[in-house]
Amino acid sequence: MSDFVYTAADKDGAITQGKMDAPDKDTAAKLIIDQGLTPLKIKDSQSVSISNLGASWQLLVFAQGIFLGIIILYIKRMRKIPTTTNE
């Protein structure tokens, strides 16, 4: 088993971060999805930590996570909009 850190979005688009123990990255993704979250990023906790990056890089990574979260939320909401056909 390995420790994985993840960033995920909930159904409202709110970004959350966490850590979990799983045998591999795919299993970690499945466990995150089982929690009702959409995985945005999953990394082995042994890899480079965001806290080791400079402030500008941290902001960039944070902004990309929010942007991806917004896109995911938009797609989920678009799926719920009924389509009409012109007959």
N, C-alpha and C. Protein backbone atom coordinates (compact mmCIF):
# COMPACT_ATOMS: atom_id res chain seq x y z
N MET A 1 0.84 -1.18 0.00
CA MET A 1 0.00 0.00 0.00
C MET A 1 0.88 1.24 0.00
N SER A 2 0.38 2.27 -0.67
CA SER A 2 1.08 3.55 -0.74
C SER A 2 0.15 4.66 -0.27
N ASP A 3 0.74 5.74 0.18
CA ASP A 3 -0.03 6.92 0.53
C ASP A 3 -0.16 7.79 -0.72
N PHE A 4 -1.38 8.25 -0.98
CA PHE A 4 -1.65 9.15 -2.10
C PHE A 4 -2.28 10.42 -1.57
N VAL A 5 -1.88 11.53 -2.13
CA VAL A 5 -2.54 12.80 -1.84
C VAL A 5 -3.37 13.15 -3.06
N TYR A 6 -4.54 13.73 -2.82
CA TYR A 6 -5.42 14.01 -3.95
C TYR A 6 -6.09 15.37 -3.80
N THR A 7 -6.51 15.88 -4.93
CA THR A 7 -7.37 17.06 -5.01
C THR A 7 -8.59 16.61 -5.78
N ALA A 8 -9.77 16.94 -5.26
CA ALA A 8 -11.01 16.49 -5.89
C ALA A 8 -12.06 17.59 -5.77
N ALA A 9 -13.09 17.47 -6.60
CA ALA A 9 -14.21 18.41 -6.57
C ALA A 9 -15.46 17.65 -6.16
N ASP A 10 -16.30 18.31 -5.34
CA ASP A 10 -17.56 17.68 -4.99
C ASP A 10 -18.61 18.07 -6.04
N LYS A 11 -19.85 17.64 -5.84
CA LYS A 11 -20.89 17.85 -6.85
C LYS A 11 -21.21 19.32 -7.07
N ASP A 12 -20.86 20.17 -6.10
CA ASP A 12 -21.10 21.61 -6.24
C ASP A 12 -19.88 22.34 -6.79
N GLY A 13 -18.81 21.61 -7.04
CA GLY A 13 -17.60 22.22 -7.58
C GLY A 13 -16.60 22.67 -6.53
N ALA A 14 -16.92 22.46 -5.26
CA ALA A 14 -15.98 22.84 -4.20
C ALA A 14 -14.77 21.91 -4.24
N ILE A 15 -13.60 22.50 -4.13
CA ILE A 15 -12.35 21.74 -4.19
C ILE A 15 -11.97 21.27 -2.79
N THR A 16 -11.59 20.01 -2.71
CA THR A 16 -11.14 19.44 -1.44
C THR A 16 -9.84 18.68 -1.67
N GLN A 17 -9.04 18.60 -0.63
CA GLN A 17 -7.79 17.85 -0.69
C GLN A 17 -7.78 16.81 0.41
N GLY A 18 -7.08 15.73 0.18
CA GLY A 18 -7.02 14.68 1.18
C GLY A 18 -5.86 13.74 0.93
N LYS A 19 -5.76 12.77 1.81
CA LYS A 19 -4.70 11.77 1.74
C LYS A 19 -5.34 10.41 2.02
N MET A 20 -4.90 9.40 1.29
CA MET A 20 -5.45 8.06 1.51
C MET A 20 -4.40 6.99 1.24
N ASP A 21 -4.63 5.84 1.80
CA ASP A 21 -3.76 4.69 1.62
C ASP A 21 -4.45 3.74 0.63
N ALA A 22 -3.78 3.41 -0.45
CA ALA A 22 -4.36 2.53 -1.47
C ALA A 22 -3.24 1.75 -2.15
N PRO A 23 -3.56 0.60 -2.73
CA PRO A 23 -2.53 -0.21 -3.39
C PRO A 23 -1.93 0.46 -4.63
N ASP A 24 -2.76 1.24 -5.36
CA ASP A 24 -2.27 1.90 -6.57
C ASP A 24 -3.13 3.12 -6.87
N LYS A 25 -2.71 3.88 -7.87
CA LYS A 25 -3.39 5.13 -8.22
C LYS A 25 -4.82 4.89 -8.71
N ASP A 26 -5.04 3.83 -9.47
CA ASP A 26 -6.38 3.52 -9.98
C ASP A 26 -7.36 3.22 -8.84
N THR A 27 -6.90 2.46 -7.87
CA THR A 27 -7.74 2.14 -6.71
C THR A 27 -8.04 3.40 -5.92
N ALA A 28 -7.04 4.26 -5.78
CA ALA A 28 -7.25 5.54 -5.08
C ALA A 28 -8.33 6.34 -5.78
N ALA A 29 -8.28 6.39 -7.12
CA ALA A 29 -9.30 7.13 -7.89
C ALA A 29 -10.69 6.55 -7.65
N LYS A 30 -10.80 5.23 -7.65
CA LYS A 30 -12.09 4.59 -7.42
C LYS A 30 -12.63 4.91 -6.03
N LEU A 31 -11.75 4.93 -5.03
CA LEU A 31 -12.17 5.25 -3.66
C LEU A 31 -12.64 6.70 -3.55
N ILE A 32 -11.98 7.59 -4.27
CA ILE A 32 -12.39 9.00 -4.27
C ILE A 32 -13.77 9.14 -4.91
N ILE A 33 -13.96 8.48 -6.03
CA ILE A 33 -15.26 8.51 -6.72
C ILE A 33 -16.36 7.92 -5.84
N ASP A 34 -16.04 6.86 -5.10
CA ASP A 34 -17.01 6.24 -4.19
C ASP A 34 -17.45 7.21 -3.10
N GLN A 35 -16.64 8.23 -2.82
CA GLN A 35 -16.98 9.24 -1.81
C GLN A 35 -17.84 10.35 -2.41
N GLY A 36 -18.19 10.21 -3.69
CA GLY A 36 -19.01 11.22 -4.35
C GLY A 36 -18.21 12.40 -4.86
N LEU A 37 -16.90 12.22 -5.00
CA LEU A 37 -16.02 13.29 -5.46
C LEU A 37 -15.50 12.98 -6.85
N THR A 38 -15.07 14.02 -7.55
CA THR A 38 -14.44 13.86 -8.86
C THR A 38 -12.95 14.14 -8.71
N PRO A 39 -12.11 13.14 -8.89
CA PRO A 39 -10.67 13.35 -8.72
C PRO A 39 -10.12 14.31 -9.77
N LEU A 40 -9.36 15.30 -9.32
CA LEU A 40 -8.71 16.24 -10.22
C LEU A 40 -7.22 15.94 -10.34
N LYS A 41 -6.64 15.50 -9.21
CA LYS A 41 -5.21 15.20 -9.20
C LYS A 41 -4.95 14.16 -8.12
N ILE A 42 -4.17 13.14 -8.45
CA ILE A 42 -3.77 12.12 -7.49
C ILE A 42 -2.28 11.93 -7.65
N LYS A 43 -1.55 12.05 -6.55
CA LYS A 43 -0.10 11.86 -6.60
C LYS A 43 0.35 11.00 -5.43
N ASP A 44 1.38 10.23 -5.68
CA ASP A 44 2.02 9.48 -4.60
C ASP A 44 2.59 10.50 -3.63
N SER A 45 2.38 10.29 -2.35
CA SER A 45 2.83 11.28 -1.35
C SER A 45 4.35 11.42 -1.34
N GLN A 46 5.07 10.49 -1.96
CA GLN A 46 6.52 10.58 -2.03
C GLN A 46 6.98 11.60 -3.07
N SER A 47 6.07 11.98 -3.99
CA SER A 47 6.44 12.92 -5.05
C SER A 47 6.56 14.33 -4.49
N VAL A 48 6.92 15.26 -5.35
CA VAL A 48 7.14 16.64 -4.93
C VAL A 48 5.88 17.22 -4.33
N SER A 49 6.02 17.84 -3.19
CA SER A 49 4.89 18.47 -2.52
C SER A 49 4.71 19.89 -3.01
N ILE A 50 3.47 20.34 -3.07
CA ILE A 50 3.20 21.72 -3.49
C ILE A 50 3.81 22.72 -2.52
N SER A 51 3.96 22.33 -1.26
CA SER A 51 4.54 23.24 -0.28
C SER A 51 6.01 23.51 -0.56
N ASN A 52 6.65 22.66 -1.37
CA ASN A 52 8.04 22.87 -1.74
C ASN A 52 8.18 23.84 -2.91
N LEU A 53 7.08 24.22 -3.53
CA LEU A 53 7.12 25.13 -4.66
C LEU A 53 7.07 26.57 -4.17
N GLY A 54 7.50 27.50 -5.01
CA GLY A 54 7.42 28.91 -4.68
C GLY A 54 5.98 29.38 -4.68
N ALA A 55 5.74 30.55 -4.11
CA ALA A 55 4.38 31.08 -3.98
C ALA A 55 3.69 31.25 -5.34
N SER A 56 4.42 31.71 -6.36
CA SER A 56 3.79 31.90 -7.67
C SER A 56 3.36 30.57 -8.27
N TRP A 57 4.16 29.53 -8.07
CA TRP A 57 3.79 28.20 -8.58
C TRP A 57 2.60 27.64 -7.81
N GLN A 58 2.57 27.88 -6.50
CA GLN A 58 1.44 27.41 -5.71
C GLN A 58 0.15 28.06 -6.20
N LEU A 59 0.20 29.35 -6.51
CA LEU A 59 -0.97 30.05 -7.00
C LEU A 59 -1.39 29.49 -8.36
N LEU A 60 -0.44 29.22 -9.22
CA LEU A 60 -0.74 28.67 -10.54
C LEU A 60 -1.42 27.31 -10.42
N VAL A 61 -0.87 26.43 -9.59
CA VAL A 61 -1.46 25.10 -9.40
C VAL A 61 -2.86 25.22 -8.80
N PHE A 62 -3.02 26.12 -7.84
CA PHE A 62 -4.33 26.34 -7.21
C PHE A 62 -5.33 26.83 -8.25
N ALA A 63 -4.93 27.81 -9.07
CA ALA A 63 -5.82 28.36 -10.09
C ALA A 63 -6.21 27.30 -11.12
N GLN A 64 -5.26 26.44 -11.51
CA GLN A 64 -5.57 25.38 -12.46
C GLN A 64 -6.58 24.41 -11.86
N GLY A 65 -6.44 24.10 -10.58
CA GLY A 65 -7.38 23.21 -9.90
C GLY A 65 -8.78 23.79 -9.88
N ILE A 66 -8.88 25.09 -9.60
CA ILE A 66 -10.19 25.74 -9.59
C ILE A 66 -10.78 25.75 -11.00
N PHE A 67 -9.96 26.09 -11.99
CA PHE A 67 -10.43 26.13 -13.37
C PHE A 67 -10.96 24.76 -13.79
N LEU A 68 -10.22 23.70 -13.47
CA LEU A 68 -10.66 22.36 -13.81
C LEU A 68 -11.96 22.02 -13.08
N GLY A 69 -12.04 22.43 -11.82
CA GLY A 69 -13.26 22.20 -11.05
C GLY A 69 -14.47 22.90 -11.66
N ILE A 70 -14.27 24.11 -12.16
CA ILE A 70 -15.35 24.85 -12.80
C ILE A 70 -15.79 24.14 -14.08
N ILE A 71 -14.84 23.66 -14.86
CA ILE A 71 -15.17 22.95 -16.09
C ILE A 71 -15.98 21.69 -15.77
N ILE A 72 -15.55 20.95 -14.76
CA ILE A 72 -16.26 19.73 -14.38
C ILE A 72 -17.68 20.06 -13.94
N LEU A 73 -17.83 21.11 -13.13
CA LEU A 73 -19.16 21.51 -12.68
C LEU A 73 -20.04 21.91 -13.87
N TYR A 74 -19.48 22.66 -14.81
CA TYR A 74 -20.22 23.08 -16.00
C TYR A 74 -20.70 21.86 -16.80
N ILE A 75 -19.82 20.90 -16.99
CA ILE A 75 -20.18 19.69 -17.75
C ILE A 75 -21.29 18.94 -17.04
N LYS A 76 -21.18 18.81 -15.72
CA LYS A 76 -22.20 18.09 -14.97
C LYS A 76 -23.55 18.79 -15.09
N ARG A 77 -23.54 20.11 -15.02
CA ARG A 77 -24.81 20.84 -15.12
C ARG A 77 -25.37 20.78 -16.53
N MET A 78 -24.52 20.82 -17.54
CA MET A 78 -24.98 20.74 -18.92
C MET A 78 -25.64 19.39 -19.20
N ARG A 79 -25.17 18.35 -18.54
CA ARG A 79 -25.77 17.03 -18.73
C ARG A 79 -27.21 17.01 -18.24
N LYS A 80 -27.54 17.85 -17.26
CA LYS A 80 -28.87 17.85 -16.68
C LYS A 80 -29.86 18.68 -17.47
N ILE A 81 -29.38 19.52 -18.39
CA ILE A 81 -30.26 20.37 -19.18
C ILE A 81 -30.90 19.52 -20.28
N PRO A 82 -32.22 19.46 -20.31
CA PRO A 82 -32.88 18.67 -21.34
C PRO A 82 -32.69 19.32 -22.71
N THR A 83 -32.51 18.50 -23.71
CA THR A 83 -32.39 19.02 -25.06
C THR A 83 -33.75 18.97 -25.73
N THR A 84 -33.98 19.92 -26.62
CA THR A 84 -35.25 19.94 -27.33
C THR A 84 -34.98 19.67 -28.81
N THR A 85 -35.94 19.10 -29.44
CA THR A 85 -35.81 18.85 -30.87
C THR A 85 -36.91 19.62 -31.59
N ASN A 86 -36.58 20.15 -32.71
CA ASN A 86 -37.56 20.85 -33.53
C ASN A 86 -38.19 19.87 -34.51
N GLU A 87 -39.45 19.71 -34.41
CA GLU A 87 -40.14 18.76 -35.29
C GLU A 87 -40.96 19.48 -36.32
